[in-house]
C-alpha cells in the first residue's frame, strides 16, 4: 500500500477500511489525515478511529483521496454494499489499495481449517472476477496486481488464548521455527514443482498510484510480523541453508530467492 501512501499530497485524506488496530503506521505519513474504520473497537485508543459499518459509511461523497482495504473484504457480510460505499466516498481521481486472500490456495485452506472459517465470508477464487466487481463499483482503472505470499505466521501458538487448538499439533504446535520450516518447504516445493503452496492472495492497485508498482513476488515473508522484503536487501547467513533476521522485527526466518510474477500466479 505504501506505493500509494507515499505519493499522496499533503492534507490528503486516507480511509483505512476494516483495519482493526490499523493497516499501517500513520506516523510514517504525518502529512496526510488517516481515518481508521471498523465495526469493532480497537483494544487500545486510536486517534482518528471511527466505529461504523463499512456498508453504511458516515462520510460525504468524495471525502477521501485514497482507501486502503488490507485483508478486509473477505470478512464483509455485505460485499456489494461495501464496494458501492467505497466508490461513493472515494474521489474520482483517487487511489485504492485492496489486498485479499485467494480461497483456492493451500494457505487459505489451512487458515480456515485452524480457525474454523476464520471469518472468511467471501471466498475469492478469481483475481479477474474480484477486479471486475471493484472496477464496476468504483469506476477506477486497475493499474497493477501483485501476488502475495504467506509465512503461515497465523499459526503462531501465541495467537491462541488460553491455549492452541489440538489440531495445531499437526503443524508443529505453532512453534515459530516450525512455522519457518513449513514456509521454507512450501517455497521450495513451489520452485521445484511450480505449485502454489506459498501463495496467499493478491494486492490490487487502482486509480492514481504515483509510481510504478514492483510486481516481483517477494517470497520472504516474516513468520512473526508478516512483513515481506525483496531478497536483494536481506542480509543472509549460512552456506547451504540461508537464514535472515527480519528488518522490521528481528525475527528469525529461512531465506529463498524471489520469483517472477508469472511463476507464482
Protein backbone atom coordinates (compact mmCIF):
# COMPACT_ATOMS: atom_id res chain seq x y z
CA UNK A 1 0.00 0.00 0.00
CA UNK A 2 2.98 2.29 0.50
CA UNK A 3 3.28 2.92 -3.25
CA UNK A 4 0.05 4.88 -2.86
CA UNK A 5 0.57 6.41 0.56
CA UNK A 6 3.99 7.93 -0.09
CA UNK A 7 2.75 9.74 -3.20
CA UNK A 8 -0.24 11.50 -1.64
CA UNK A 9 -0.21 15.29 -1.41
CA UNK A 10 -0.05 17.00 1.97
CA UNK A 11 -3.51 17.21 3.50
CA UNK A 12 -4.86 14.21 1.61
CA UNK A 13 -7.43 12.05 3.41
CA UNK A 14 -6.99 8.26 3.67
CA UNK A 15 -9.62 5.76 4.79
CA UNK A 16 -8.18 2.60 6.37
CA UNK A 17 -11.20 0.32 5.94
CA UNK A 18 -11.90 -2.63 8.24
CA UNK A 19 -8.50 -2.22 9.79
CA UNK A 20 -8.81 -3.29 13.46
CA UNK A 21 -5.64 -1.82 15.00
CA UNK A 22 -4.54 -0.22 11.72
CA UNK A 23 -3.08 -1.43 8.43
CA UNK A 24 -0.03 0.85 8.50
CA UNK A 25 1.84 3.19 10.82
CA UNK A 26 0.11 6.56 10.43
CA UNK A 27 3.08 8.36 11.98
CA UNK A 28 5.08 7.49 8.86
CA UNK A 29 2.64 9.66 6.86
CA UNK A 30 2.21 12.66 9.12
CA UNK A 31 1.26 14.96 6.22
CA UNK A 32 -1.99 13.10 5.49
CA UNK A 33 -5.19 12.67 7.52
CA UNK A 34 -5.79 8.99 8.32
CA UNK A 35 -9.24 7.74 9.34
CA UNK A 36 -9.37 4.20 10.74
CA UNK A 37 -12.74 2.44 10.47
CA UNK A 38 -14.02 -0.86 11.83
CA UNK A 39 -17.18 -2.28 13.39
CA UNK A 40 -15.12 -3.49 16.36
CA UNK A 41 -13.44 -1.00 18.69
CA UNK A 42 -9.63 -1.48 18.83
CA UNK A 43 -8.11 -2.70 22.09
CA UNK A 44 -6.09 0.49 22.51
CA UNK A 45 -7.18 4.09 22.00
CA UNK A 46 -6.61 5.19 18.41
CA UNK A 47 -6.59 8.75 17.09
CA UNK A 48 -8.90 9.16 14.13
CA UNK A 49 -10.84 5.94 14.76
CA UNK A 50 -14.48 5.71 13.65
CA UNK A 51 -16.72 2.80 14.62
CA UNK A 52 -19.11 2.15 11.73
CA UNK A 53 -20.44 -0.38 9.24
CA UNK A 54 -18.38 -0.36 6.03
CA UNK A 55 -21.60 -0.83 4.03
CA UNK A 56 -23.00 2.41 5.53
CA UNK A 57 -20.09 4.81 5.71
CA UNK A 58 -20.78 8.04 7.65
CA UNK A 59 -18.91 10.26 5.18
CA UNK A 60 -19.89 12.60 2.36
CA UNK A 61 -19.39 11.71 -1.30
CA UNK A 62 -15.80 12.09 -2.47
CA UNK A 63 -14.42 12.54 1.05
CA UNK A 64 -11.19 10.56 0.55
CA UNK A 65 -8.19 10.75 -1.74
CA UNK A 66 -7.29 7.13 -1.04
CA UNK A 67 -8.75 3.99 0.52
CA UNK A 68 -6.78 1.08 1.94
CA UNK A 69 -8.63 -2.24 2.26
CA UNK A 70 -5.98 -4.55 3.65
CA UNK A 71 -7.26 -8.13 4.14
CA UNK A 72 -10.76 -6.91 4.98
CA UNK A 73 -13.11 -7.57 2.04
CA UNK A 74 -13.16 -11.31 2.71
CA UNK A 75 -14.78 -10.53 6.09
CA UNK A 76 -17.55 -8.21 4.82
CA UNK A 77 -21.06 -9.65 5.13
CA UNK A 78 -22.43 -7.14 2.57
CA UNK A 79 -19.67 -7.07 -0.02
CA UNK A 80 -21.75 -5.38 -2.72
CA UNK A 81 -22.79 -2.63 -0.30
CA UNK A 82 -19.22 -2.13 0.90
CA UNK A 83 -17.85 -1.79 -2.64
CA UNK A 84 -20.56 0.71 -3.54
CA UNK A 85 -19.77 2.79 -0.46
CA UNK A 86 -16.07 2.72 -1.30
CA UNK A 87 -16.87 4.05 -4.75
CA UNK A 88 -19.11 6.76 -3.27
CA UNK A 89 -16.69 8.20 -0.69
CA UNK A 90 -13.58 7.96 -2.90
CA UNK A 91 -12.73 10.87 -5.18
CA UNK A 92 -12.86 10.23 -8.93
CA UNK A 93 -9.12 10.90 -9.15
CA UNK A 94 -8.43 8.84 -6.02
CA UNK A 95 -6.39 5.74 -5.29
CA UNK A 96 -7.42 2.34 -3.96
CA UNK A 97 -5.37 -0.50 -2.49
CA UNK A 98 -7.03 -3.88 -1.95
CA UNK A 99 -5.33 -6.99 -0.56
CA UNK A 100 -7.34 -10.21 -0.38
CA UNK A 101 -6.69 -13.94 0.07
CA UNK A 102 -7.08 -16.44 -2.75
CA UNK A 103 -9.53 -19.01 -1.36
CA UNK A 104 -8.18 -21.68 -3.72
CA UNK A 105 -4.73 -21.73 -2.10
CA UNK A 106 -3.27 -24.18 0.41
CA UNK A 107 -2.53 -21.30 2.79
CA UNK A 108 -6.16 -20.17 2.90
CA UNK A 109 -7.36 -23.75 3.38
CA UNK A 110 -5.01 -24.16 6.36
CA UNK A 111 -6.17 -20.84 7.83
CA UNK A 112 -9.85 -21.75 7.57
CA UNK A 113 -9.18 -25.25 8.96
CA UNK A 114 -7.28 -23.98 12.01
CA UNK A 115 -9.62 -21.06 12.71
CA UNK A 116 -12.87 -22.87 11.82
CA UNK A 117 -13.51 -20.48 8.95
CA UNK A 118 -11.73 -17.52 10.46
CA UNK A 119 -14.46 -15.10 9.42
CA UNK A 120 -13.73 -15.50 5.70
CA UNK A 121 -17.27 -14.98 4.43
CA UNK A 122 -16.35 -14.15 0.84
CA UNK A 123 -14.22 -16.84 -0.85
CA UNK A 124 -12.38 -15.07 -3.69
CA UNK A 125 -11.06 -17.63 -6.17
CA UNK A 126 -10.56 -15.43 -9.24
CA UNK A 127 -8.50 -12.27 -9.35
CA UNK A 128 -10.23 -11.23 -12.57
CA UNK A 129 -13.72 -11.61 -11.05
CA UNK A 130 -12.82 -9.59 -7.95
CA UNK A 131 -11.21 -6.85 -10.03
CA UNK A 132 -14.32 -6.67 -12.21
CA UNK A 133 -16.52 -6.14 -9.13
CA UNK A 134 -14.25 -3.40 -7.77
CA UNK A 135 -13.97 -1.58 -11.11
CA UNK A 136 -17.74 -1.69 -11.55
CA UNK A 137 -18.33 -0.23 -8.08
CA UNK A 138 -15.62 2.44 -8.06
CA UNK A 139 -15.07 3.37 -11.70
CA UNK A 140 -11.31 3.21 -11.12
CA UNK A 141 -8.92 1.53 -13.52
CA UNK A 142 -6.74 -1.36 -12.37
CA UNK A 143 -3.11 -0.23 -12.54
CA UNK A 144 -1.21 -3.20 -11.13
CA UNK A 145 -1.56 -6.61 -9.45
CA UNK A 146 0.90 -8.30 -7.13
CA UNK A 147 0.94 -11.91 -5.98
CA UNK A 148 1.29 -12.10 -2.20
CA UNK A 149 3.00 -14.93 -0.35
CA UNK A 150 2.38 -16.20 3.16
CA UNK A 151 4.71 -17.10 6.01
CA UNK A 152 1.97 -19.11 7.79
CA UNK A 153 2.53 -16.73 10.71
CA UNK A 154 -1.14 -17.06 11.65
CA UNK A 155 -0.20 -20.48 13.08
CA UNK A 156 1.89 -18.92 15.86
CA UNK A 157 0.79 -20.52 19.15
CA UNK A 158 0.96 -17.13 20.89
CA UNK A 159 -2.10 -16.02 18.92
CA UNK A 160 -4.31 -18.61 20.60
CA UNK A 161 -5.63 -17.92 24.09
CA UNK A 162 -5.77 -19.58 26.52
CA UNK A 163 -4.04 -22.39 24.55
CA UNK A 164 -3.58 -23.55 20.96
CA UNK A 165 -6.15 -25.95 19.42
CA UNK A 166 -5.26 -29.63 19.30
CA UNK A 167 -5.15 -29.69 15.51
CA UNK A 168 -2.21 -27.27 15.62
CA UNK A 169 -0.07 -30.17 16.85
CA UNK A 170 -0.12 -31.48 13.27
CA UNK A 171 1.71 -28.31 12.20
CA UNK A 172 4.45 -28.11 14.82
CA UNK A 173 2.13 -26.80 17.55
CA UNK A 174 2.68 -23.23 16.37
CA UNK A 175 6.36 -23.00 17.30
CA UNK A 176 7.98 -20.11 15.34
CA UNK A 177 10.82 -22.24 13.96
CA UNK A 178 8.40 -24.97 12.91
CA UNK A 179 6.39 -22.33 11.05
CA UNK A 180 9.59 -21.03 9.42
CA UNK A 181 10.39 -24.56 8.21
CA UNK A 182 6.84 -25.01 6.86
CA UNK A 183 7.10 -21.71 4.99
CA UNK A 184 10.51 -22.61 3.60
CA UNK A 185 9.34 -26.07 2.47
CA UNK A 186 6.32 -24.56 0.70
CA UNK A 187 8.58 -22.16 -1.20
CA UNK A 188 10.98 -24.94 -2.22
CA UNK A 189 8.12 -27.12 -3.47
CA UNK A 190 6.81 -24.14 -5.45
CA UNK A 191 10.19 -23.63 -7.05
CA UNK A 192 10.70 -27.30 -7.93
CA UNK A 193 7.16 -28.31 -8.86
CA UNK A 194 5.68 -24.93 -9.88
CA UNK A 195 2.98 -25.35 -7.26
CA UNK A 196 1.35 -22.50 -5.28
CA UNK A 197 1.76 -23.72 -1.71
CA UNK A 198 3.32 -20.47 -0.50
CA UNK A 199 0.85 -18.14 -2.26
CA UNK A 200 -1.55 -16.17 -0.05
CA UNK A 201 -3.50 -13.98 -2.44
CA UNK A 202 -3.29 -10.69 -4.32
CA UNK A 203 -2.71 -6.97 -3.92
CA UNK A 204 -4.54 -4.72 -6.39
CA UNK A 205 -3.76 -1.09 -7.17
CA UNK A 206 -6.48 1.12 -8.69
CA UNK A 207 -6.54 4.74 -9.83
CA UNK A 208 -3.71 7.24 -9.40
CA UNK A 209 -0.69 5.47 -7.92
CA UNK A 210 2.16 7.92 -8.46
CA UNK A 211 4.88 5.36 -9.16
CA UNK A 212 5.43 2.07 -10.96
CA UNK A 213 4.43 -0.91 -8.82
CA UNK A 214 7.04 -3.63 -8.37
CA UNK A 215 5.50 -6.97 -9.40
CA UNK A 216 8.32 -9.31 -8.38
CA UNK A 217 6.94 -11.87 -5.95
CA UNK A 218 8.60 -11.37 -2.57
CA UNK A 219 8.70 -14.89 -1.14
CA UNK A 220 10.47 -13.94 2.09
CA UNK A 221 7.62 -13.09 4.47
CA UNK A 222 8.39 -12.83 8.17
CA UNK A 223 6.87 -15.56 10.35
CA UNK A 224 6.38 -13.08 13.20
CA UNK A 225 5.26 -9.71 11.82
CA UNK A 226 4.18 -10.72 8.29
CA UNK A 227 6.36 -8.12 6.55
CA UNK A 228 7.66 -9.11 3.10
CA UNK A 229 11.00 -7.88 1.79
CA UNK A 230 12.82 -8.24 -1.54
CA UNK A 231 15.53 -10.88 -1.41
CA UNK A 232 18.13 -8.38 -2.64
CA UNK A 233 18.05 -6.29 0.56
CA UNK A 234 18.14 -9.13 3.09
CA UNK A 235 21.34 -9.92 4.94
CA UNK A 236 21.67 -13.70 4.99
CA UNK A 237 23.85 -16.14 6.88
CA UNK A 238 24.66 -19.77 6.24
CA UNK A 239 26.12 -21.50 3.22
CA UNK A 240 23.57 -24.15 2.29
CA UNK A 241 20.52 -23.27 4.37
CA UNK A 242 20.44 -19.48 4.36
CA UNK A 243 18.62 -17.55 7.06
CA UNK A 244 17.99 -13.92 7.91
CA UNK A 245 16.55 -11.70 10.61
CA UNK A 246 13.53 -9.62 9.61
CA UNK A 247 14.48 -5.93 9.11
CA UNK A 248 11.15 -4.94 10.70
CA UNK A 249 11.01 -7.04 13.89
CA UNK A 250 14.24 -9.05 14.02
CA UNK A 251 12.55 -12.48 13.90
CA UNK A 252 14.49 -15.49 12.60
CA UNK A 253 13.49 -16.71 9.10
CA UNK A 254 14.71 -19.05 6.38
CA UNK A 255 15.62 -17.45 3.04
CA UNK A 256 14.70 -18.19 -0.59
CA UNK A 257 15.23 -16.28 -3.80
CA UNK A 258 12.35 -14.24 -5.22
CA UNK A 259 10.19 -15.44 -8.12
CA UNK A 260 8.78 -13.78 -11.18
CA UNK A 261 5.08 -12.92 -11.12
CA UNK A 262 4.39 -15.44 -13.90
CA UNK A 263 5.96 -18.24 -11.85
CA UNK A 264 3.82 -17.64 -8.78
CA UNK A 265 0.46 -16.76 -10.37
